[in-house]
Amino acid sequence: MGIGNWELGIGNWELGIGDWELGIGNWFFLILKIFYLLLTFAATFGIISNDGIGVRL
C-alpha cells in the first residue's frame, strides 16, 4: 500500500511538471499578446510609420 501511494506521488509530480510547462506556455503567449496589442496600438495612432518597423514585421 505504501508503494502504491509512492507511485501516486510520482504521478502527481509528473502532473506538476505538466502544469509548470503550461505556465511557461501561458507566459510566452501572454508576452506575444501584449507585444501584438502594443504594435496594433502604435500602428493605429501612427506611431509606427509604414516604412519603419511595420514593414519589417
C-alpha atoms as a PDB file:
ATOM      1  CA  MET A   1       0.000   0.000   0.000  1.00  0.00           C
ATOM      2  CA  GLY A   2       2.875   2.290   0.755  1.00  0.00           C
ATOM      3  CA  ILE A   3       4.335   1.501  -2.648  1.00  0.00           C
ATOM      4  CA  GLY A   4       1.016   2.405  -4.282  1.00  0.00           C
ATOM      5  CA  ASN A   5       0.949   5.769  -2.572  1.00  0.00           C
ATOM      6  CA  TRP A   6       4.519   6.388  -3.647  1.00  0.00           C
ATOM      7  CA  GLU A   7       3.577   5.672  -7.282  1.00  0.00           C
ATOM      8  CA  LEU A   8       0.630   8.033  -6.952  1.00  0.00           C
ATOM      9  CA  GLY A   9       3.061  10.643  -5.683  1.00  0.00           C
ATOM     10  CA  ILE A  10       5.158  10.180  -8.826  1.00  0.00           C
ATOM     11  CA  GLY A  11       2.037  10.715 -10.930  1.00  0.00           C
ATOM     12  CA  ASN A  12       1.248  13.915  -9.070  1.00  0.00           C
ATOM     13  CA  TRP A  13       4.822  15.068  -9.565  1.00  0.00           C
ATOM     14  CA  GLU A  14       4.505  14.491 -13.321  1.00  0.00           C
ATOM     15  CA  LEU A  15       1.255  16.439 -13.308  1.00  0.00           C
ATOM     16  CA  GLY A  16       3.110  19.242 -11.566  1.00  0.00           C
ATOM     17  CA  ILE A  17       5.701  19.223 -14.356  1.00  0.00           C
ATOM     18  CA  GLY A  18       2.889  19.490 -16.893  1.00  0.00           C
ATOM     19  CA  ASP A  19       1.403  22.429 -15.017  1.00  0.00           C
ATOM     20  CA  TRP A  20       4.820  24.080 -14.973  1.00  0.00           C
ATOM     21  CA  GLU A  21       5.123  23.681 -18.756  1.00  0.00           C
ATOM     22  CA  LEU A  22       1.614  25.090 -19.146  1.00  0.00           C
ATOM     23  CA  GLY A  23       2.670  28.069 -17.070  1.00  0.00           C
ATOM     24  CA  ILE A  24       5.639  28.650 -19.377  1.00  0.00           C
ATOM     25  CA  GLY A  25       3.345  28.475 -22.398  1.00  0.00           C
ATOM     26  CA  ASN A  26       0.839  30.889 -20.897  1.00  0.00           C
ATOM     27  CA  TRP A  27       3.631  33.320 -20.016  1.00  0.00           C
ATOM     28  CA  PHE A  28       5.064  33.125 -23.532  1.00  0.00           C
ATOM     29  CA  PHE A  29       1.711  33.727 -25.233  1.00  0.00           C
ATOM     30  CA  LEU A  30       0.878  36.495 -22.777  1.00  0.00           C
ATOM     31  CA  ILE A  31       4.059  38.314 -23.830  1.00  0.00           C
ATOM     32  CA  LEU A  32       3.190  37.794 -27.502  1.00  0.00           C
ATOM     33  CA  LYS A  33      -0.333  39.075 -26.932  1.00  0.00           C
ATOM     34  CA  ILE A  34       0.891  42.208 -25.136  1.00  0.00           C
ATOM     35  CA  PHE A  35       3.502  42.785 -27.851  1.00  0.00           C
ATOM     36  CA  TYR A  36       0.856  42.405 -30.559  1.00  0.00           C
ATOM     37  CA  LEU A  37      -1.522  44.784 -28.772  1.00  0.00           C
ATOM     38  CA  LEU A  38       1.250  47.358 -28.410  1.00  0.00           C
ATOM     39  CA  LEU A  39       2.067  47.092 -32.110  1.00  0.00           C
ATOM     40  CA  THR A  40      -1.614  47.442 -33.009  1.00  0.00           C
ATOM     41  CA  PHE A  41      -1.958  50.469 -30.741  1.00  0.00           C
ATOM     42  CA  ALA A  42       1.160  52.086 -32.203  1.00  0.00           C
ATOM     43  CA  ALA A  43       0.076  51.441 -35.790  1.00  0.00           C
ATOM     44  CA  THR A  44      -3.430  52.742 -35.107  1.00  0.00           C
ATOM     45  CA  PHE A  45      -2.149  56.079 -33.838  1.00  0.00           C
ATOM     46  CA  GLY A  46       0.555  56.373 -36.493  1.00  0.00           C
ATOM     47  CA  ILE A  47       3.458  55.950 -34.108  1.00  0.00           C
ATOM     48  CA  ILE A  48       4.956  53.321 -36.412  1.00  0.00           C
ATOM     49  CA  SER A  49       5.277  54.500 -39.999  1.00  0.00           C
ATOM     50  CA  ASN A  50       4.805  52.224 -42.996  1.00  0.00           C
ATOM     51  CA  ASP A  51       8.471  52.481 -43.950  1.00  0.00           C
ATOM     52  CA  GLY A  52       9.616  51.648 -40.431  1.00  0.00           C
ATOM     53  CA  ILE A  53       9.114  48.671 -38.161  1.00  0.00           C
ATOM     54  CA  GLY A  54       5.702  47.920 -39.666  1.00  0.00           C
ATOM     55  CA  VAL A  55       7.210  46.785 -42.973  1.00  0.00           C
ATOM     56  CA  ARG A  56       9.849  44.568 -41.346  1.00  0.00           C
ATOM     57  CA  LEU A  57       7.235  42.868 -39.175  1.00  0.00           C
END
